[in-house]
Protein backbone atom coordinates (compact mmCIF):
# COMPACT_ATOMS: atom_id res chain seq x y z
CA MET A 1 0.25 -0.07 -0.12
CA THR A 2 1.24 3.53 -1.06
CA ARG A 3 1.72 6.18 1.57
CA GLN A 4 -1.25 8.28 -0.15
CA MET A 5 -3.44 5.15 0.22
CA LEU A 6 -2.73 4.53 3.54
CA ALA A 7 -3.31 8.51 4.46
CA LEU A 8 -6.40 8.35 2.71
CA SER A 9 -7.50 5.08 4.85
CA MET A 10 -7.04 6.53 7.87
CA ALA A 11 -8.61 9.90 7.24
CA VAL A 12 -11.87 8.05 6.03
CA SER A 13 -11.55 5.91 9.00
CA LEU A 14 -11.15 8.76 10.95
CA LEU A 15 -14.02 10.88 9.61
CA ALA A 16 -16.49 7.72 9.54
CA PRO A 17 -17.42 7.95 13.09
CA LEU A 18 -18.16 11.74 13.26
CA SER A 19 -20.35 11.68 10.15
CA VAL A 20 -22.38 8.97 11.57
CA SER A 21 -22.59 10.27 14.82
CA ALA A 22 -23.43 13.78 13.53
CA VAL A 23 -26.80 12.38 12.25
CA GLU A 24 -29.48 12.11 14.79
CA THR A 25 -33.09 12.18 14.82
CA PRO A 26 -35.26 14.79 16.24
CA SER A 27 -36.29 14.31 19.97
CA MET A 28 -38.52 15.50 22.78
CA GLU A 29 -35.75 16.02 25.09
CA LEU A 30 -33.66 18.03 22.69
CA GLY A 31 -36.80 20.23 21.86
CA LYS A 32 -37.40 20.71 25.72
CA ARG A 33 -33.71 21.86 26.14
CA LEU A 34 -34.00 24.03 23.39
CA PHE A 35 -37.69 25.48 24.57
CA GLU A 36 -35.71 26.31 27.90
CA SER A 37 -32.34 27.56 26.50
CA VAL A 38 -31.25 30.97 26.56
CA GLN A 39 -28.65 30.02 23.89
CA LEU A 40 -31.19 30.48 20.89
CA GLY A 41 -30.95 34.23 21.21
CA SER A 42 -29.24 37.15 22.40
CA LYS A 43 -31.41 38.91 24.77
CA GLY A 44 -30.99 36.40 27.49
CA ARG A 45 -34.60 34.88 27.32
CA SER A 46 -35.73 31.39 26.16
CA CYS A 47 -39.07 30.43 24.79
CA GLU A 48 -39.90 29.26 28.54
CA SER A 49 -39.41 32.86 29.59
CA CYS A 50 -42.65 34.12 27.74
CA HIS A 51 -44.46 30.49 27.63
CA ARG A 52 -44.11 29.20 31.40
CA GLN A 53 -45.44 25.65 31.07
CA GLY A 54 -46.77 26.10 27.78
CA LYS A 55 -48.68 29.23 28.30
CA GLY A 56 -50.32 30.47 25.52
CA LEU A 57 -49.45 27.74 23.18
CA ASP A 58 -52.73 25.55 23.96
CA LYS A 59 -54.40 26.79 20.93
CA ILE A 60 -51.60 25.93 18.22
CA GLY A 61 -53.94 23.26 16.83
CA ASP A 62 -55.02 25.56 14.20
CA PHE A 63 -51.86 26.01 12.83
CA ASN A 64 -50.16 23.61 10.34
CA GLU A 65 -46.55 22.18 10.49
CA GLU A 66 -45.19 24.88 8.11
CA GLU A 67 -47.09 27.69 9.80
CA LEU A 68 -46.03 26.59 13.10
CA LYS A 69 -42.39 26.48 12.07
CA ASP A 70 -42.30 30.04 10.74
CA ILE A 71 -44.18 31.44 14.19
CA ILE A 72 -41.31 29.33 16.16
CA ASN A 73 -38.71 31.21 13.87
CA ALA A 74 -40.49 34.48 14.13
CA CYS A 75 -40.04 34.34 17.89
CA ILE A 76 -36.72 33.15 18.10
CA ARG A 77 -35.73 36.18 15.76
CA ASP A 78 -38.05 38.95 17.38
CA ALA A 79 -38.56 37.85 20.83
CA LEU A 80 -35.09 36.12 21.43
CA GLY A 81 -32.93 38.06 19.14
CA GLY A 82 -31.70 34.47 17.65
CA LYS A 83 -30.85 33.44 14.22
CA LEU A 84 -33.51 31.47 12.28
CA LEU A 85 -33.53 27.69 12.44
CA GLY A 86 -33.42 25.83 9.51
CA VAL A 87 -36.91 24.51 8.85
CA GLU A 88 -35.81 21.01 7.97
CA SER A 89 -33.24 20.87 10.75
CA GLN A 90 -33.09 18.67 13.73
CA GLU A 91 -33.07 21.37 15.92
CA MET A 92 -36.45 22.82 14.72
CA ASP A 93 -38.21 19.28 14.24
CA SER A 94 -37.27 18.83 17.99
CA LEU A 95 -38.58 22.13 18.90
CA TYR A 96 -41.68 22.08 16.86
CA ARG A 97 -42.49 18.29 18.54
CA TYR A 98 -41.89 19.72 21.84
CA VAL A 99 -44.14 22.59 21.38
CA ARG A 100 -47.01 20.78 19.93
CA THR A 101 -47.01 18.80 23.47
CA PHE A 102 -48.89 22.01 24.55
CA GLN A 103 -51.65 21.72 22.20
CA GLN A 104 -55.11 21.53 23.66
CA ASN A 105 -57.45 19.67 21.09
């Protein structure tokens, strides 16, 4: 085996575990952590700051997934002073799922 092939083989073997571990499914636990985190923005507030125990989120059943994700991003941008989450990101999917737990039918 040449040095180049050996180096390439080592690089691939080192990177493979990183790419596998970086792909996770959205989770309620992550959604809860994000909902309570002040790290989503720059104003020292979290979603929980305005929506203690889901206050005001009981009527979100009227919104479809796209609309609710847009609302979540608007809150992150405006109320928290944060950057928008990708609508298909693991973070958004997790936060969306967690927020849906407050929905009253």
